[in-house]
Protein backbone atom coordinates (compact mmCIF):
# COMPACT_ATOMS: atom_id res chain seq x y z
CA MET A 1 -18.12 -14.53 -20.60
CA THR A 2 -21.77 -13.54 -21.64
CA ALA A 3 -22.17 -12.56 -17.27
CA LEU A 4 -19.22 -10.00 -17.43
CA THR A 5 -20.73 -8.88 -20.45
CA THR A 6 -24.16 -8.31 -18.73
CA LEU A 7 -22.03 -6.56 -15.94
CA PHE A 8 -19.45 -4.37 -17.64
CA GLY A 9 -21.82 -3.73 -20.79
CA SER A 10 -19.32 -2.90 -23.61
CA ALA A 11 -16.36 -2.69 -21.33
CA TRP A 12 -15.93 -5.96 -21.45
CA SER A 13 -16.38 -6.83 -25.18
CA GLN A 14 -13.61 -4.08 -25.41
CA ALA A 15 -11.27 -5.28 -22.44
CA ALA A 16 -11.89 -8.63 -22.71
CA PRO A 17 -8.01 -9.29 -25.07
CA LEU A 18 -6.48 -8.07 -22.18
CA VAL A 19 -6.66 -10.75 -20.09
CA GLN A 20 -7.40 -13.69 -23.31
CA GLN A 21 -4.06 -12.70 -24.07
CA ALA A 22 -2.82 -13.97 -20.93
CA GLU A 23 -1.18 -17.77 -20.03
CA GLU A 24 -3.70 -18.05 -17.36
CA PRO A 25 -6.75 -15.95 -18.42
CA HIS A 26 -8.70 -16.70 -15.28
CA ALA A 27 -6.36 -15.38 -12.60
CA GLU A 28 -5.73 -12.62 -14.32
CA LEU A 29 -9.62 -11.37 -14.26
CA LEU A 30 -9.73 -12.92 -10.80
CA ALA A 31 -7.09 -10.10 -10.18
CA LEU A 32 -8.50 -8.08 -11.44
CA VAL A 33 -11.96 -8.36 -9.27
CA TRP A 34 -10.51 -9.98 -5.77
CA GLY A 35 -10.36 -6.93 -3.49
CA PRO A 36 -13.29 -4.66 -2.43
CA ARG A 37 -11.86 -2.04 -5.69
CA PHE A 38 -11.21 -2.96 -8.74
CA ASP A 39 -7.30 -3.96 -9.29
CA LEU A 40 -6.64 -0.45 -11.76
CA GLN A 41 -2.82 -1.02 -10.87
CA HIS A 42 -3.06 -4.63 -12.25
CA ALA A 43 -4.71 -3.13 -15.12
CA GLN A 44 -2.01 -0.49 -16.23
CA ASP A 45 0.19 -3.73 -15.70
CA LEU A 46 -1.70 -5.67 -18.05
CA LEU A 47 -2.22 -2.91 -20.61
CA GLY A 48 1.62 -3.11 -20.46
CA ARG A 49 1.93 -6.37 -22.51
CA VAL A 50 -0.28 -4.81 -25.54
CA PRO A 51 1.13 -3.68 -28.91
CA ALA A 52 1.15 -0.27 -27.95
CA PRO A 53 -1.62 0.63 -30.59
CA ALA A 54 -4.34 -0.85 -29.48
CA ALA A 55 -3.54 -0.79 -25.90
CA PRO A 56 -4.34 3.15 -25.14
CA ALA A 57 -7.65 2.57 -26.45
CA LEU A 58 -8.53 -0.22 -23.95
CA TRP A 59 -8.00 2.29 -21.05
CA PRO A 60 -11.33 3.92 -21.16
CA ALA A 61 -13.15 0.24 -21.35
CA LEU A 62 -11.00 -0.44 -18.41
CA LEU A 63 -12.33 2.18 -16.25
CA GLN A 64 -14.96 1.42 -17.37
CA ALA A 65 -15.42 -1.96 -16.30
CA ALA A 66 -14.03 -0.62 -12.80
CA ARG A 67 -16.64 1.77 -12.31
CA ALA A 68 -18.98 -1.04 -12.84
CA PHE A 69 -17.31 -3.15 -10.85
CA ASP A 70 -16.81 -0.53 -7.81
CA SER A 71 -20.65 0.30 -7.67
CA LEU A 72 -21.35 -3.48 -7.21
CA PRO A 73 -22.94 -4.35 -3.50
CA GLY A 74 -19.90 -6.82 -1.94
CA GLU A 75 -22.04 -9.87 -2.46
CA ARG A 76 -22.52 -9.10 -6.31
CA GLN A 77 -18.60 -8.25 -6.25
CA GLN A 78 -18.66 -12.05 -4.55
CA ARG A 79 -20.64 -13.65 -7.69
CA LEU A 80 -18.87 -12.29 -9.11
CA ARG A 81 -15.74 -14.46 -8.54
CA ARG A 82 -17.49 -16.99 -8.06
CA PHE A 83 -18.74 -16.92 -11.38
CA ILE A 84 -15.02 -16.80 -12.42
CA ALA A 85 -13.71 -19.48 -10.66
CA GLN A 86 -16.33 -21.64 -11.83
CA HIS A 87 -16.16 -20.84 -15.37
CA HIS A 88 -12.33 -22.13 -15.10
CA ARG A 89 -12.74 -25.33 -13.46
CA ARG A 90 -15.52 -25.73 -16.23
CA TRP A 91 -12.17 -24.51 -18.52
CA GLU A 92 -10.02 -26.64 -16.77
CA ASN A 93 -11.97 -29.82 -17.09
CA SER A 94 -13.03 -29.34 -20.60
CA ARG A 95 -9.08 -28.97 -21.92
CA HIS A 96 -8.44 -31.99 -19.34
CA ALA A 97 -8.07 -34.76 -22.43
CA PRO A 98 -9.21 -38.26 -21.92
CA HIS A 99 -7.74 -40.84 -18.36
CA PRO A 100 -7.72 -44.55 -18.29
CA ALA A 101 -8.63 -43.54 -14.46
CA ASP A 102 -11.27 -41.85 -15.57
């Protein structure tokens, strides 16, 4: 997710474990950036799933990522969503086991 690190800076590298621990990390990430503003309520819900000692340390990084996303023009926000969706498709395809019909 290099593009996310480039966009959000160190905030993403700190907040990434929040979605990486999820069953569907791409879906969680898209949920955070699906609307015109970063979904801080969803971020708080995700924080509730992180072990207690680590959760408070992630909140400042999430706020920084939210500010970065919210400051983007709508076209760049949409480009980021497409990037996440494309990354998800490539990730799913790489997990796909060989099939005789392939």
